[in-house]
Amino acid sequence: MIVGGGIGGLGAALSLRAAGLECVVVEAAAALRPLGVGINLQPHAVRELTELGLGGVLAGLGVETSFMTFADRHGNVILALPRGRSAGYRWPQYSIHRGELQMALLAAVEARGVPVRTGVRFEGFEQDGDGVTVTLRRGGR
């Protein structure tokens, strides 16, 4: 069981499924929606997601970031730092909307048959020698 349908939880579900393990994602929100702002996916993250079959999706949604540039208030470049392939990595760095990335991960998780249960809140767990018992609550706060 993975608690949370954000980028981390959905990425974990993809990795577990790729390793041949069954899992389920539970998310407290009633529905997953594309919320957030722009983020940068570093080359190592791009590599992992590409190996999980999402390279084309990332290239289609993101903008390959070659340099991070610092400028003064007049627009004069003070410093330009290479990123991704320009910095010598084998993989690019992408600037991408967080919500679009999350929806792409959700689509990939669902396409691989991983159940995603929304409106389910994790309450706690107990572990003993026989395993783990998880307490969940559906709906509401």
Protein backbone atom coordinates (compact mmCIF):
# COMPACT_ATOMS: atom_id res chain seq x y z
CA MET A 1 0.00 0.00 0.00
CA ILE A 2 1.22 3.44 -0.93
CA VAL A 3 -0.24 6.37 0.98
CA GLY A 4 -0.50 9.46 -1.20
CA GLY A 5 -1.24 9.97 -4.87
CA GLY A 6 1.28 12.73 -5.42
CA ILE A 7 4.38 12.55 -7.59
CA GLY A 8 6.28 10.45 -5.04
CA GLY A 9 3.48 7.98 -4.40
CA LEU A 10 2.67 7.48 -8.07
CA GLY A 11 6.37 7.15 -8.91
CA ALA A 12 6.73 4.51 -6.19
CA ALA A 13 3.73 2.64 -7.62
CA LEU A 14 5.33 2.62 -11.07
CA SER A 15 8.60 1.31 -9.66
CA LEU A 16 6.92 -1.43 -7.63
CA ARG A 17 4.85 -2.52 -10.62
CA ALA A 18 7.95 -2.58 -12.82
CA ALA A 19 9.56 -4.88 -10.23
CA GLY A 20 6.56 -7.20 -10.51
CA LEU A 21 5.02 -6.29 -7.16
CA GLU A 22 1.34 -5.63 -6.59
CA CYS A 23 0.37 -2.42 -4.85
CA VAL A 24 -2.52 -0.05 -4.31
CA VAL A 25 -2.41 3.75 -3.93
CA VAL A 26 -4.71 5.45 -1.42
CA GLU A 27 -5.24 9.21 -1.56
CA ALA A 28 -7.25 11.36 0.86
CA ALA A 29 -8.36 13.85 -1.81
CA ALA A 30 -11.68 13.08 -3.48
CA ALA A 31 -10.01 13.32 -6.89
CA LEU A 32 -6.53 13.89 -8.25
CA ARG A 33 -6.33 17.15 -10.18
CA PRO A 34 -3.47 18.90 -11.98
CA LEU A 35 -2.51 21.40 -9.28
CA GLY A 36 0.75 23.19 -8.73
CA VAL A 37 3.37 25.24 -10.49
CA GLY A 38 6.42 24.61 -12.62
CA ILE A 39 9.12 22.32 -11.28
CA ASN A 40 12.42 21.04 -12.62
CA LEU A 41 13.07 17.33 -13.08
CA GLN A 42 16.77 16.70 -12.60
CA PRO A 43 18.56 14.30 -14.99
CA HIS A 44 18.58 11.40 -12.53
CA ALA A 45 14.79 11.65 -12.10
CA VAL A 46 14.37 11.84 -15.89
CA ARG A 47 16.49 8.70 -16.21
CA GLU A 48 14.34 6.79 -13.72
CA LEU A 49 11.07 7.86 -15.33
CA THR A 50 12.44 7.10 -18.80
CA GLU A 51 13.37 3.60 -17.66
CA LEU A 52 9.76 3.24 -16.48
CA GLY A 53 8.57 4.05 -20.00
CA LEU A 54 7.77 7.75 -19.63
CA GLY A 55 10.59 9.32 -21.65
CA GLY A 56 8.36 10.34 -24.55
CA VAL A 57 5.71 11.71 -22.20
CA LEU A 58 8.27 13.86 -20.40
CA ALA A 59 9.69 15.17 -23.67
CA GLY A 60 6.17 16.07 -24.81
CA LEU A 61 5.12 17.82 -21.62
CA GLY A 62 8.35 19.43 -20.49
CA VAL A 63 10.80 21.96 -21.82
CA GLU A 64 14.39 20.77 -21.91
CA THR A 65 16.37 23.09 -19.66
CA SER A 66 19.91 23.72 -20.88
CA PHE A 67 20.95 26.61 -18.64
CA MET A 68 19.89 28.26 -15.41
CA THR A 69 20.56 31.95 -15.92
CA PHE A 70 20.85 34.69 -13.31
CA ALA A 71 20.38 38.26 -14.50
CA ASP A 72 20.42 41.68 -12.91
CA ARG A 73 17.40 43.98 -12.91
CA HIS A 74 18.34 45.25 -16.37
CA GLY A 75 18.45 41.78 -17.89
CA ASN A 76 22.23 41.54 -18.05
CA VAL A 77 23.36 37.97 -17.50
CA ILE A 78 25.41 37.60 -14.33
CA LEU A 79 25.81 33.84 -14.39
CA ALA A 80 24.64 30.99 -16.62
CA LEU A 81 24.92 27.47 -15.23
CA PRO A 82 24.59 24.48 -17.57
CA ARG A 83 21.86 21.95 -16.82
CA GLY A 84 21.03 18.47 -18.08
CA ARG A 85 22.82 17.47 -21.25
CA SER A 86 24.59 20.84 -21.40
CA ALA A 87 26.14 19.98 -18.04
CA GLY A 88 27.40 16.63 -19.33
CA TYR A 89 24.58 14.38 -18.18
CA ARG A 90 23.32 11.64 -20.46
CA TRP A 91 19.75 12.67 -19.65
CA PRO A 92 18.06 16.06 -20.02
CA GLN A 93 16.63 18.23 -17.30
CA TYR A 94 13.01 19.23 -17.90
CA SER A 95 10.98 22.16 -16.67
CA ILE A 96 7.43 20.86 -16.35
CA HIS A 97 4.16 21.76 -14.67
CA ARG A 98 3.81 19.72 -11.49
CA GLY A 99 0.14 18.98 -12.13
CA GLU A 100 0.78 17.79 -15.69
CA LEU A 101 3.52 15.48 -14.43
CA GLN A 102 1.21 14.10 -11.74
CA MET A 103 -1.57 13.43 -14.28
CA ALA A 104 0.92 11.68 -16.60
CA LEU A 105 2.11 9.51 -13.71
CA LEU A 106 -1.50 8.74 -12.78
CA ALA A 107 -2.30 7.68 -16.35
CA ALA A 108 0.78 5.44 -16.41
CA VAL A 109 -0.09 3.87 -13.05
CA GLU A 110 -3.66 3.17 -14.13
CA ALA A 111 -2.49 1.79 -17.50
CA ARG A 112 -0.38 -0.72 -15.57
CA GLY A 113 -3.38 -1.89 -13.57
CA VAL A 114 -2.48 -0.33 -10.23
CA PRO A 115 -5.63 0.59 -8.28
CA VAL A 116 -5.80 4.23 -7.14
CA ARG A 117 -8.43 4.80 -4.46
CA THR A 118 -9.30 8.43 -3.85
CA GLY A 119 -11.29 9.74 -0.91
CA VAL A 120 -9.51 7.29 1.40
CA ARG A 121 -7.63 8.65 4.40
CA PHE A 122 -4.81 6.74 6.09
CA GLU A 123 -5.45 6.64 9.85
CA GLY A 124 -2.61 4.46 11.08
CA PHE A 125 -1.12 1.00 11.19
CA GLU A 126 -0.14 -1.76 13.58
CA GLN A 127 2.64 -4.21 12.92
CA ASP A 128 3.22 -7.58 14.54
CA GLY A 129 4.93 -10.84 13.69
CA ASP A 130 2.13 -11.78 11.28
CA GLY A 131 2.20 -8.60 9.21
CA VAL A 132 0.76 -5.11 9.10
CA THR A 133 -2.82 -3.99 9.68
CA VAL A 134 -3.69 -0.62 8.15
CA THR A 135 -6.60 1.55 9.28
CA LEU A 136 -8.24 3.62 6.54
CA ARG A 137 -11.24 5.94 6.54
CA ARG A 138 -13.32 6.68 3.46
CA GLY A 139 -14.43 10.26 2.73
CA GLY A 140 -14.59 13.33 4.93
CA ARG A 141 -12.03 14.54 7.38
